[in-house]
Each structure stands twice: as structure tokens, then as C-alpha cells.
Amino acid sequence: MIRLFGSILAATALLAAGGAGAQEVVRLGNLKLAHFGAVSYIKEIAPKCGIRVEEKVFAKGLDVMQAIIAGELDVGATASEAAISGRAGGAPIVVVAGFARGGARLVARPELGIRSVAQLKGRKVGVTRGAIQEVLLMAQLAKHGLKADAAPGKDVQLVYLGYPDLNQALLGKQIDAMMQSEPQSSQAINKGFGVEVLKPYDTPIGEPVRTLVMTEKFYRERRAVAEKFMRCFVEATKTFIDSPAAAEKYVRETIFKNQISSDDFQDAIRNSPYSFDITPEHIQVTTDIMARTGVGRMARPPLAQDWVRTDLLAAARKSLDLK
């Protein structure tokens, strides 16, 4: 009897192991930003999609690209600039969706009276290297005929810092202005140590679209899992679009541990709404401006038509009856 009971336990354990194995693991790279929240939420609903998502959070998009090149990730959420630089540098990726628009703001110290990009001449401006904000900043400076470099001597001196460090530098008056992401730019404004100069969407890029990328291997060789992941992405994003209160609760409490206020979140998402779509044309325009301004220092800028693949997104939206 004891032997029989032991056999049953062993068989049950094997069945459980088989069931756990049926949920394939997807390794996801993400950033800790308000508009990346729906991507993070995928891991919460992944089991009902038939997969398990292991999320790893990085400081910036280029770090996600490095992890992809190292074979540590299957999917990554980045700004388009990091994806483009990554592809140009040999990262085996394809763009499969967009997940947020906008998400940038030029913010200055209130007491300086800066109201335009032209007034940045002679100033120190902070930005995160390898972020879409750098592309937008360089596009704005070029539009106004200003030259910039990290070394002194140009019209604008660039100061490269991470997103949280930019706010501290503006608060500490170590920089005069910053091209910042969300929710950090909204935080600076709401706390009174920053004022908005502009939202930098009046260049050919328009509102930059954040990119969801997959490795070519995952996209081609694990097709069934990639399809499940994409359906999960669409469902998570739709949840955040349809239920702003649920989105706010998750981002503020789970991601930021109540370190941002309700106003910070709402202001941030107004400037970086969740979305699904992306086009080869948008990626190509962004690539062209990067090449023209020298951001990313690409020897061979990639052609968008070679690596933007939205078939999985279209199928996922159709399966969920989303136009």
C-alpha cells in the first residue's frame, strides 16, 4: 500500500512537471518608465495566455539591446532609437509592435526664463545617452541651428545622465534644462523645480513610438510562443487603455512603489499614451534623422522595410476583435 501510494505521488509529480513545462518561458527586457507599464503587465496575465514571462528591468534601451546580443532575452521594450542602433550594431531583432507614443518633454529651471529651444544657447542641457530623447533633442537643436557636444565650446553643452539623475541635476542646478522622459518630466514640473519648454514633436519624427522587438530566432523558430506573447501584449495594452484606473494602480504601486503621485502618472500618460501600432515609415524617418544628426554613430543605418514585421500584431488584434 505504501509502495502504491509512493508510485501515485511520483506520477502526480511527473504530471505537474509536465504541466509546468507546457508553459514556455519568454524572457522580456523592459525599462522602469510609466509608458512601459503595459509591457510589464504582460507577466501578470501571461499564465492565462499559456506562457510564463520573466521580466528583467534595465536602466536604458541600449542595455536591453546588449542583453539581446548576449542571448539573454527573447523580447525587448525600447525606444526606437535603441532598437535602430541595436539593429545597426548587429542585434538580431525585428520590430513587431509599438506600445506607447510621445514620452518626451524639454524642461528647464523656472528661474532661467527659458521659453524656446533657441534660448538654450550657452546652456547645459541634460539627456540620457542612447535614448529617443537624445534623438529628439538633437533634431530640435539642428532645427534651430545650434551645435552641441559633451565638451565645452559648442552652442549647447550636453550632460549625459540616467533618467532619475537628470531630475536631481536640474533640482541641484547642475544643468539648466533637460530633455526628459515620463514620468520624470511630469515629476519635475509638479514639484516646481522644472517648467515645460515644449513637447518636441514638431520634427519629421512626430511623436516617437516605443518599439517592442523580438529576436529573429524567437520570431521565426518559436512561432507559436511568439503568437501567444503577442496576444498577451495586445490584451495587456487594451486593459491599460480601457481601464486607466487599473493602469495607474499597477504603475504607481507595483512598478514605482508609490514613489510617484497620481498627478505625476496622469500627466505622464497624457504625454505618452499606450498604443499598439508602428509603421516602417516611422522607423525609417527616425533612422534617417539619427544618421543626419550623428546619434548612434551607425556605419550602416538599417532599412526599416528589412526588419519591421507587424504580421503577429495584426493576427493578435484580429483574434481579439480589435480594429
Protein backbone atom coordinates (compact mmCIF):
# COMPACT_ATOMS: atom_id res chain seq x y z
CA MET A 1 0.00 0.00 0.00
CA ILE A 2 2.79 2.41 0.93
CA ARG A 3 4.61 1.44 -2.27
CA LEU A 4 1.43 2.10 -4.30
CA PHE A 5 0.93 5.49 -2.63
CA GLY A 6 4.55 6.38 -3.40
CA SER A 7 4.02 5.46 -7.06
CA ILE A 8 0.93 7.69 -7.21
CA LEU A 9 2.87 10.59 -5.70
CA ALA A 10 5.67 10.09 -8.21
CA ALA A 11 3.20 10.00 -11.09
CA THR A 12 1.48 13.15 -9.82
CA ALA A 13 4.83 14.94 -9.59
CA LEU A 14 5.66 13.96 -13.17
CA LEU A 15 2.30 15.24 -14.39
CA ALA A 16 2.80 18.51 -12.52
CA ALA A 17 6.24 18.90 -14.02
CA GLY A 18 4.82 18.25 -17.47
CA GLY A 19 2.10 20.84 -16.90
CA ALA A 20 4.63 23.42 -15.76
CA GLY A 21 6.79 22.68 -18.76
CA ALA A 22 3.83 23.29 -21.07
CA GLN A 23 4.01 26.97 -20.18
CA GLU A 24 7.04 28.06 -22.15
CA VAL A 25 9.17 30.84 -20.74
CA VAL A 26 9.59 34.16 -22.55
CA ARG A 27 12.49 36.34 -21.37
CA LEU A 28 11.47 40.01 -21.50
CA GLY A 29 13.67 43.10 -21.16
CA ASN A 30 11.93 46.29 -20.04
CA LEU A 31 12.52 49.78 -18.61
CA LYS A 32 11.12 51.37 -15.45
CA LEU A 33 9.06 54.12 -17.09
CA ALA A 34 5.35 54.94 -16.86
CA HIS A 35 4.60 54.28 -20.52
CA PHE A 36 6.36 50.89 -20.35
CA GLY A 37 3.80 49.76 -17.77
CA ALA A 38 1.54 47.74 -20.06
CA VAL A 39 4.56 45.74 -21.25
CA SER A 40 5.40 44.96 -17.62
CA TYR A 41 1.77 43.93 -17.00
CA ILE A 42 2.14 41.13 -19.58
CA LYS A 43 3.84 38.95 -16.97
CA GLU A 44 0.80 39.25 -14.68
CA ILE A 45 -1.61 37.81 -17.27
CA ALA A 46 0.88 35.53 -19.02
CA PRO A 47 -0.32 32.28 -17.37
CA LYS A 48 -3.76 32.60 -18.92
CA CYS A 49 -2.03 33.20 -22.27
CA GLY A 50 -0.30 29.82 -21.84
CA ILE A 51 3.18 31.23 -21.24
CA ARG A 52 5.39 32.41 -18.39
CA VAL A 53 7.14 35.76 -18.73
CA GLU A 54 10.36 36.51 -16.86
CA GLU A 55 10.91 40.26 -16.84
CA LYS A 56 14.28 41.91 -16.33
CA VAL A 57 14.38 45.69 -15.91
CA PHE A 58 17.24 47.72 -17.41
CA ALA A 59 18.40 51.32 -16.99
CA LYS A 60 18.10 52.21 -20.68
CA GLY A 61 17.19 50.77 -24.06
CA LEU A 62 20.76 50.19 -25.20
CA ASP A 63 21.23 47.87 -22.21
CA VAL A 64 18.26 45.85 -23.45
CA MET A 65 19.96 45.59 -26.84
CA GLN A 66 23.19 44.38 -25.26
CA ALA A 67 21.28 41.67 -23.39
CA ILE A 68 19.63 40.58 -26.64
CA ILE A 69 23.01 40.38 -28.38
CA ALA A 70 24.28 38.30 -25.44
CA GLY A 71 21.38 35.87 -25.95
CA GLU A 72 19.75 36.69 -22.60
CA LEU A 73 16.36 37.92 -23.91
CA ASP A 74 13.65 36.88 -26.36
CA VAL A 75 11.70 40.15 -26.37
CA GLY A 76 12.63 43.71 -25.52
CA ALA A 77 10.81 47.01 -24.95
CA THR A 78 12.84 50.04 -26.02
CA ALA A 79 12.65 53.42 -27.63
CA SER A 80 13.00 53.27 -31.40
CA GLU A 81 16.48 54.83 -31.25
CA ALA A 82 17.87 51.94 -29.20
CA ALA A 83 16.24 49.38 -31.48
CA ILE A 84 17.64 51.08 -34.59
CA SER A 85 21.13 51.39 -33.08
CA GLY A 86 20.92 47.78 -31.95
CA ARG A 87 19.95 46.52 -35.40
CA ALA A 88 22.71 48.61 -36.99
CA GLY A 89 25.16 47.11 -34.49
CA GLY A 90 24.23 43.52 -35.27
CA ALA A 91 21.41 42.80 -32.82
CA PRO A 92 19.31 40.03 -34.44
CA ILE A 93 15.94 41.72 -33.89
CA VAL A 94 12.70 42.58 -35.63
CA VAL A 95 10.22 45.29 -34.61
CA VAL A 96 6.83 43.67 -34.03
CA ALA A 97 4.71 46.44 -32.45
CA GLY A 98 4.63 49.89 -30.90
CA PHE A 99 3.45 50.27 -27.32
CA ALA A 100 3.42 54.00 -26.50
CA ARG A 101 3.66 57.37 -28.22
CA GLY A 102 5.39 60.57 -27.18
CA GLY A 103 7.02 60.37 -23.77
CA ALA A 104 9.42 63.30 -24.02
CA ARG A 105 9.49 66.88 -22.78
CA LEU A 106 12.03 69.69 -22.74
CA VAL A 107 12.05 71.02 -19.17
CA ALA A 108 14.03 73.98 -17.84
CA ARG A 109 14.76 75.55 -14.47
CA PRO A 110 11.93 78.03 -13.74
CA GLU A 111 14.16 80.94 -12.72
CA LEU A 112 16.03 80.98 -16.05
CA GLY A 113 13.04 82.07 -18.13
CA ILE A 114 13.82 79.65 -20.98
CA ARG A 115 10.79 79.53 -23.27
CA SER A 116 12.26 78.25 -26.55
CA VAL A 117 14.93 75.95 -27.94
CA ALA A 118 16.84 78.98 -29.25
CA GLN A 119 17.31 80.14 -25.65
CA LEU A 120 19.32 77.01 -24.87
CA LYS A 121 22.37 78.65 -26.44
CA GLY A 122 25.13 78.86 -23.86
CA ARG A 123 23.32 76.43 -21.56
CA LYS A 124 23.98 72.97 -20.14
CA VAL A 125 21.29 70.53 -21.24
CA GLY A 126 20.92 67.05 -19.77
CA VAL A 127 19.76 64.00 -21.67
CA THR A 128 20.09 60.22 -21.42
CA ARG A 129 22.56 58.88 -23.96
CA GLY A 130 21.11 56.23 -26.23
CA ALA A 131 17.51 57.28 -25.61
CA ILE A 132 14.94 58.62 -28.04
CA GLN A 133 15.10 61.87 -26.07
CA GLU A 134 18.65 62.35 -27.38
CA VAL A 135 17.42 61.98 -30.97
CA LEU A 136 14.61 64.48 -30.34
CA LEU A 137 16.97 66.94 -28.64
CA MET A 138 19.48 66.80 -31.49
CA ALA A 139 16.69 67.20 -34.04
CA GLN A 140 15.40 70.28 -32.18
CA LEU A 141 18.86 71.82 -31.88
CA ALA A 142 19.57 71.23 -35.57
CA LYS A 143 16.23 72.80 -36.47
CA HIS A 144 17.29 75.96 -34.62
CA GLY A 145 20.85 75.96 -35.98
CA LEU A 146 22.52 75.07 -32.69
CA LYS A 147 25.58 72.83 -32.35
CA ALA A 148 26.00 70.61 -29.30
CA ASP A 149 28.64 68.42 -27.68
CA ALA A 150 29.51 66.98 -24.29
CA ALA A 151 32.72 69.01 -24.32
CA PRO A 152 32.52 72.78 -23.74
CA GLY A 153 32.83 75.10 -26.73
CA LYS A 154 29.67 74.43 -28.75
CA ASP A 155 26.39 76.35 -28.57
CA VAL A 156 24.99 73.81 -26.11
CA GLN A 157 26.93 71.61 -23.69
CA LEU A 158 25.34 68.18 -23.32
CA VAL A 159 25.35 66.40 -19.97
CA TYR A 160 24.61 62.68 -20.22
CA LEU A 161 22.77 61.22 -17.23
CA GLY A 162 20.24 58.50 -16.46
CA TYR A 163 16.55 59.41 -16.14
CA PRO A 164 16.42 59.75 -12.31
CA ASP A 165 19.79 61.54 -12.25
CA LEU A 166 18.57 64.17 -14.71
CA ASN A 167 15.91 65.32 -12.26
CA GLN A 168 18.46 65.51 -9.44
CA ALA A 169 20.82 67.51 -11.65
CA LEU A 170 18.07 70.00 -12.58
CA LEU A 171 17.00 70.29 -8.93
CA GLY A 172 20.62 70.81 -7.89
CA LYS A 173 21.15 73.42 -10.66
CA GLN A 174 23.93 71.38 -12.24
CA ILE A 175 22.11 71.62 -15.58
CA ASP A 176 19.88 74.36 -16.99
CA ALA A 177 17.43 72.19 -18.90
CA MET A 178 16.79 68.58 -19.79
CA MET A 179 15.12 66.53 -22.50
CA GLN A 180 13.44 64.08 -20.16
CA SER A 181 11.21 61.02 -20.27
CA GLU A 182 7.99 60.28 -18.37
CA PRO A 183 7.08 60.25 -15.53
CA GLN A 184 10.26 62.11 -14.53
CA SER A 185 9.48 65.25 -16.56
CA SER A 186 5.98 65.46 -15.05
CA GLN A 187 7.50 64.98 -11.59
CA ALA A 188 9.92 67.89 -12.13
CA ILE A 189 7.07 70.16 -13.20
CA ASN A 190 4.66 69.08 -10.46
CA LYS A 191 7.32 69.51 -7.76
CA GLY A 192 8.13 73.00 -9.01
CA PHE A 193 11.79 72.67 -9.95
CA GLY A 194 11.06 72.46 -13.68
CA VAL A 195 8.84 74.16 -16.27
CA GLU A 196 7.87 72.82 -19.67
CA VAL A 197 9.55 74.49 -22.62
CA LEU A 198 7.98 72.23 -25.23
CA LYS A 199 6.94 68.75 -26.22
CA PRO A 200 9.39 68.02 -29.04
CA TYR A 201 7.02 66.56 -31.62
CA ASP A 202 7.32 69.18 -34.37
CA THR A 203 10.10 67.43 -36.29
CA PRO A 204 9.62 64.83 -39.07
CA ILE A 205 9.65 62.11 -36.36
CA GLY A 206 6.45 63.49 -34.84
CA GLU A 207 5.51 61.62 -31.69
CA PRO A 208 8.17 58.91 -31.26
CA VAL A 209 6.76 55.40 -30.99
CA ARG A 210 8.27 52.99 -28.46
CA THR A 211 9.15 49.66 -30.03
CA LEU A 212 8.51 46.09 -28.99
CA VAL A 213 11.20 43.91 -30.55
CA MET A 214 11.73 40.16 -30.78
CA THR A 215 14.86 38.26 -31.62
CA GLU A 216 14.76 36.83 -35.12
CA LYS A 217 15.20 33.36 -33.63
CA PHE A 218 12.20 33.76 -31.31
CA TYR A 219 10.10 35.29 -34.10
CA ARG A 220 10.89 32.52 -36.59
CA GLU A 221 11.68 29.38 -34.60
CA ARG A 222 9.25 29.71 -31.66
CA ARG A 223 6.37 30.99 -33.69
CA ALA A 224 3.56 29.52 -31.58
CA VAL A 225 5.01 31.04 -28.40
CA ALA A 226 5.58 34.37 -30.16
CA GLU A 227 1.92 34.38 -31.18
CA LYS A 228 0.82 33.75 -27.58
CA PHE A 229 3.08 36.52 -26.35
CA MET A 230 1.73 38.97 -28.89
CA ARG A 231 -1.88 38.19 -27.95
CA CYS A 232 -0.89 38.75 -24.31
CA PHE A 233 0.72 42.09 -25.24
CA VAL A 234 -2.41 43.25 -27.05
CA GLU A 235 -4.63 42.18 -24.16
CA ALA A 236 -2.41 43.90 -21.57
CA THR A 237 -2.28 47.10 -23.60
CA LYS A 238 -6.03 47.09 -24.20
CA THR A 239 -6.56 46.66 -20.45
CA PHE A 240 -4.45 49.74 -19.74
CA ILE A 241 -6.16 51.80 -22.45
CA ASP A 242 -9.69 50.77 -21.40
CA SER A 243 -9.07 50.91 -17.63
CA PRO A 244 -6.97 53.99 -16.74
CA ALA A 245 -7.54 53.37 -13.02
CA ALA A 246 -6.14 49.84 -13.28
CA ALA A 247 -3.17 51.15 -15.26
CA GLU A 248 -2.48 53.85 -12.67
CA LYS A 249 -2.74 51.44 -9.75
CA TYR A 250 -0.34 48.96 -11.34
CA VAL A 251 2.24 51.52 -12.45
CA ARG A 252 2.20 53.59 -9.27
CA GLU A 253 2.01 50.75 -6.73
CA THR A 254 3.72 47.79 -8.39
CA ILE A 255 6.34 49.44 -10.60
CA PHE A 256 7.11 52.67 -8.73
CA LYS A 257 6.20 51.54 -5.19
CA ASN A 258 4.16 54.74 -4.64
CA GLN A 259 7.16 56.95 -5.46
CA ILE A 260 5.10 58.92 -8.00
CA SER A 261 1.83 60.73 -7.34
CA SER A 262 -1.47 60.34 -9.13
CA ASP A 263 -0.86 63.70 -10.85
CA ASP A 264 2.60 62.54 -11.96
CA PHE A 265 1.13 59.41 -13.52
CA GLN A 266 -1.80 61.12 -15.21
CA ASP A 267 0.36 63.92 -16.62
CA ALA A 268 2.90 61.36 -17.82
CA ILE A 269 0.35 59.22 -19.64
CA ARG A 270 -1.28 62.24 -21.26
CA ASN A 271 2.15 62.84 -22.80
CA SER A 272 2.87 59.15 -23.52
CA PRO A 273 -0.38 57.26 -24.20
CA TYR A 274 -0.38 53.48 -24.57
CA SER A 275 -0.80 52.21 -28.14
CA PHE A 276 -0.25 49.20 -30.41
CA ASP A 277 0.85 50.29 -33.84
CA ILE A 278 4.08 51.08 -35.60
CA THR A 279 4.99 51.53 -39.27
CA PRO A 280 8.14 51.01 -41.34
CA GLU A 281 7.81 54.65 -42.42
CA HIS A 282 8.11 55.92 -38.84
CA ILE A 283 11.17 53.76 -38.18
CA GLN A 284 12.77 54.90 -41.44
CA VAL A 285 12.26 58.61 -40.70
CA THR A 286 13.74 58.13 -37.22
CA THR A 287 16.69 56.24 -38.73
CA ASP A 288 17.31 59.00 -41.27
CA ILE A 289 17.34 61.72 -38.59
CA MET A 290 19.66 59.66 -36.40
CA ALA A 291 22.06 59.29 -39.32
CA ARG A 292 21.87 63.01 -40.12
CA THR A 293 22.48 64.16 -36.53
CA GLY A 294 25.09 61.52 -35.73
CA VAL A 295 23.15 59.88 -32.89
CA GLY A 296 24.12 56.25 -32.58
CA ARG A 297 27.11 56.60 -34.91
CA MET A 298 25.81 53.95 -37.31
CA ALA A 299 28.19 52.76 -40.02
CA ARG A 300 25.29 51.26 -41.98
CA PRO A 301 21.84 52.53 -40.97
CA PRO A 302 19.34 49.67 -41.35
CA LEU A 303 16.44 49.87 -43.81
CA ALA A 304 13.13 49.69 -41.94
CA GLN A 305 11.50 47.50 -44.59
CA ASP A 306 14.05 44.79 -43.80
CA TRP A 307 13.16 44.39 -40.14
CA VAL A 308 9.73 45.82 -39.27
CA ARG A 309 7.32 42.87 -39.06
CA THR A 310 3.75 43.60 -37.93
CA ASP A 311 2.11 40.32 -39.02
CA LEU A 312 1.98 38.93 -35.46
CA LEU A 313 0.37 42.14 -34.23
CA ALA A 314 -2.25 42.08 -36.98
CA ALA A 315 -3.12 38.44 -36.21
CA ALA A 316 -3.34 39.14 -32.46
CA ARG A 317 -5.62 42.11 -32.96
CA LYS A 318 -7.83 40.10 -35.28
CA SER A 319 -8.09 37.22 -32.79
CA LEU A 320 -9.21 39.68 -30.11
CA ASP A 321 -11.62 41.51 -32.46
CA LEU A 322 -9.64 44.76 -32.30
CA LYS A 323 -9.58 47.00 -35.35
